[in-house]
Amino acid sequence: MSTSETNAEASAHDDSLNLGALIPEHFARFFEFFKPGHTEGVVPPRIKELARLKIAALNQCDT
């Protein structure tokens, strides 16, 4: 199965929007903001991501 067939199959079953494709300039600016805070500093990125997921779960957010 080719990548395009796999992507077409996934998109047929996925109801979410691909906002990265719809508004790429917004996501470029977001990741310019997000990446330094996530990858730099004393706390490792893995721990930051685990904290983000725990906060989302406590607030009943979908991640």
N, C-alpha and C. Protein backbone atom coordinates (compact mmCIF):
# COMPACT_ATOMS: atom_id res chain seq x y z
N MET A 1 0.86 -1.18 0.00
CA MET A 1 0.00 0.00 0.00
C MET A 1 0.90 1.24 0.00
N SER A 2 0.60 2.19 -0.86
CA SER A 2 1.42 3.39 -0.97
C SER A 2 1.06 4.39 0.13
N THR A 3 1.93 5.37 0.32
CA THR A 3 1.69 6.40 1.32
C THR A 3 0.44 7.19 1.00
N SER A 4 0.21 7.49 -0.28
CA SER A 4 -0.98 8.26 -0.66
C SER A 4 -2.25 7.48 -0.38
N GLU A 5 -2.21 6.15 -0.58
CA GLU A 5 -3.38 5.33 -0.27
C GLU A 5 -3.63 5.31 1.23
N THR A 6 -2.54 5.20 2.01
CA THR A 6 -2.67 5.20 3.47
C THR A 6 -3.23 6.53 3.95
N ASN A 7 -2.72 7.64 3.42
CA ASN A 7 -3.22 8.96 3.80
C ASN A 7 -4.68 9.15 3.41
N ALA A 8 -5.05 8.66 2.23
CA ALA A 8 -6.43 8.78 1.78
C ALA A 8 -7.35 7.97 2.68
N GLU A 9 -6.91 6.77 3.08
CA GLU A 9 -7.69 5.94 3.99
C GLU A 9 -7.87 6.61 5.34
N ALA A 10 -6.79 7.16 5.86
CA ALA A 10 -6.83 7.82 7.18
C ALA A 10 -7.73 9.04 7.12
N SER A 11 -7.64 9.83 6.06
CA SER A 11 -8.46 11.03 5.98
C SER A 11 -9.94 10.69 5.78
N ALA A 12 -10.24 9.55 5.19
CA ALA A 12 -11.63 9.14 5.01
C ALA A 12 -12.28 8.82 6.34
N HIS A 13 -11.49 8.42 7.33
CA HIS A 13 -12.03 8.06 8.63
C HIS A 13 -11.81 9.13 9.68
N ASP A 14 -11.14 10.20 9.32
CA ASP A 14 -10.78 11.23 10.27
C ASP A 14 -11.66 12.45 10.06
N ASP A 15 -12.38 12.87 11.10
CA ASP A 15 -13.27 14.02 11.00
C ASP A 15 -12.59 15.34 11.37
N SER A 16 -11.33 15.29 11.80
CA SER A 16 -10.66 16.50 12.24
C SER A 16 -10.14 17.29 11.03
N LEU A 17 -9.92 18.56 11.27
CA LEU A 17 -9.38 19.44 10.24
C LEU A 17 -7.86 19.41 10.28
N ASN A 18 -7.23 19.52 9.15
CA ASN A 18 -5.79 19.65 9.08
C ASN A 18 -5.48 21.14 9.03
N LEU A 19 -5.44 21.77 10.21
CA LEU A 19 -5.25 23.21 10.27
C LEU A 19 -3.87 23.62 9.78
N GLY A 20 -2.89 22.74 9.95
CA GLY A 20 -1.55 23.03 9.45
C GLY A 20 -1.54 23.24 7.95
N ALA A 21 -2.39 22.52 7.25
CA ALA A 21 -2.49 22.68 5.80
C ALA A 21 -3.35 23.88 5.43
N LEU A 22 -4.34 24.18 6.26
CA LEU A 22 -5.25 25.29 5.96
C LEU A 22 -4.64 26.65 6.26
N ILE A 23 -3.88 26.75 7.36
CA ILE A 23 -3.29 28.03 7.75
C ILE A 23 -1.82 27.83 8.15
N PRO A 24 -0.97 27.48 7.18
CA PRO A 24 0.43 27.16 7.49
C PRO A 24 1.20 28.32 8.11
N GLU A 25 0.89 29.56 7.73
CA GLU A 25 1.62 30.70 8.28
C GLU A 25 1.35 30.85 9.79
N HIS A 26 0.14 30.53 10.22
CA HIS A 26 -0.19 30.58 11.64
C HIS A 26 0.62 29.53 12.41
N PHE A 27 0.68 28.33 11.88
CA PHE A 27 1.41 27.26 12.56
C PHE A 27 2.90 27.52 12.57
N ALA A 28 3.43 28.14 11.54
CA ALA A 28 4.85 28.50 11.53
C ALA A 28 5.14 29.48 12.67
N ARG A 29 4.29 30.48 12.84
CA ARG A 29 4.48 31.44 13.94
C ARG A 29 4.29 30.77 15.30
N PHE A 30 3.31 29.87 15.41
CA PHE A 30 3.07 29.18 16.67
C PHE A 30 4.30 28.36 17.08
N PHE A 31 4.86 27.60 16.13
CA PHE A 31 6.00 26.76 16.47
C PHE A 31 7.26 27.57 16.74
N GLU A 32 7.39 28.76 16.13
CA GLU A 32 8.49 29.66 16.50
C GLU A 32 8.37 30.04 17.97
N PHE A 33 7.15 30.23 18.45
CA PHE A 33 6.90 30.56 19.86
C PHE A 33 7.05 29.33 20.75
N PHE A 34 6.49 28.21 20.33
CA PHE A 34 6.40 27.01 21.17
C PHE A 34 7.73 26.28 21.33
N LYS A 35 8.48 26.13 20.25
CA LYS A 35 9.66 25.28 20.26
C LYS A 35 10.73 25.69 21.27
N PRO A 36 11.13 26.96 21.38
CA PRO A 36 12.15 27.30 22.37
C PRO A 36 11.73 26.97 23.81
N GLY A 37 10.50 27.23 24.15
CA GLY A 37 10.03 26.94 25.50
C GLY A 37 9.93 25.45 25.78
N HIS A 38 9.76 24.69 24.74
CA HIS A 38 9.61 23.25 24.90
C HIS A 38 10.95 22.52 24.88
N THR A 39 11.91 23.03 24.12
CA THR A 39 13.17 22.31 23.95
C THR A 39 14.33 22.88 24.76
N GLU A 40 14.22 24.12 25.22
CA GLU A 40 15.32 24.75 25.96
C GLU A 40 14.98 24.82 27.44
N GLY A 41 15.98 25.06 28.26
CA GLY A 41 15.77 25.23 29.69
C GLY A 41 16.30 24.06 30.50
N VAL A 42 16.07 24.12 31.81
CA VAL A 42 16.60 23.13 32.73
C VAL A 42 15.79 21.83 32.68
N VAL A 43 14.49 21.93 32.56
CA VAL A 43 13.62 20.75 32.55
C VAL A 43 13.66 20.11 31.17
N PRO A 44 13.90 18.79 31.10
CA PRO A 44 13.95 18.11 29.80
C PRO A 44 12.60 18.17 29.06
N PRO A 45 12.63 18.22 27.72
CA PRO A 45 11.39 18.30 26.94
C PRO A 45 10.42 17.16 27.26
N ARG A 46 10.91 15.97 27.54
CA ARG A 46 10.03 14.84 27.84
C ARG A 46 9.20 15.12 29.10
N ILE A 47 9.83 15.70 30.12
CA ILE A 47 9.12 16.01 31.36
C ILE A 47 8.10 17.14 31.12
N LYS A 48 8.47 18.12 30.31
CA LYS A 48 7.53 19.20 29.97
C LYS A 48 6.31 18.65 29.26
N GLU A 49 6.53 17.71 28.34
CA GLU A 49 5.41 17.12 27.61
C GLU A 49 4.53 16.28 28.54
N LEU A 50 5.13 15.54 29.44
CA LEU A 50 4.34 14.76 30.41
C LEU A 50 3.51 15.69 31.30
N ALA A 51 4.09 16.80 31.71
CA ALA A 51 3.35 17.78 32.52
C ALA A 51 2.19 18.37 31.72
N ARG A 52 2.44 18.67 30.45
CA ARG A 52 1.38 19.22 29.59
C ARG A 52 0.23 18.23 29.45
N LEU A 53 0.56 16.95 29.25
CA LEU A 53 -0.47 15.93 29.12
C LEU A 53 -1.25 15.74 30.42
N LYS A 54 -0.55 15.79 31.56
CA LYS A 54 -1.23 15.65 32.85
C LYS A 54 -2.18 16.82 33.09
N ILE A 55 -1.73 18.03 32.79
CA ILE A 55 -2.59 19.21 32.95
C ILE A 55 -3.82 19.09 32.06
N ALA A 56 -3.62 18.64 30.82
CA ALA A 56 -4.75 18.47 29.90
C ALA A 56 -5.74 17.43 30.44
N ALA A 57 -5.21 16.33 30.98
CA ALA A 57 -6.09 15.28 31.53
C ALA A 57 -6.86 15.80 32.74
N LEU A 58 -6.20 16.53 33.60
CA LEU A 58 -6.88 17.07 34.79
C LEU A 58 -7.99 18.05 34.42
N ASN A 59 -7.82 18.74 33.29
CA ASN A 59 -8.81 19.70 32.83
C ASN A 59 -9.76 19.11 31.80
N GLN A 60 -9.70 17.79 31.63
CA GLN A 60 -10.56 17.05 30.71
C GLN A 60 -10.48 17.58 29.28
N CYS A 61 -9.25 17.87 28.85
CA CYS A 61 -9.01 18.34 27.48
C CYS A 61 -8.57 17.18 26.61
N ASP A 62 -8.96 17.20 25.37
CA ASP A 62 -8.45 16.24 24.39
C ASP A 62 -7.10 16.74 23.91
N THR A 63 -6.14 15.84 23.84
CA THR A 63 -4.81 16.26 23.36
C THR A 63 -4.44 15.54 22.11
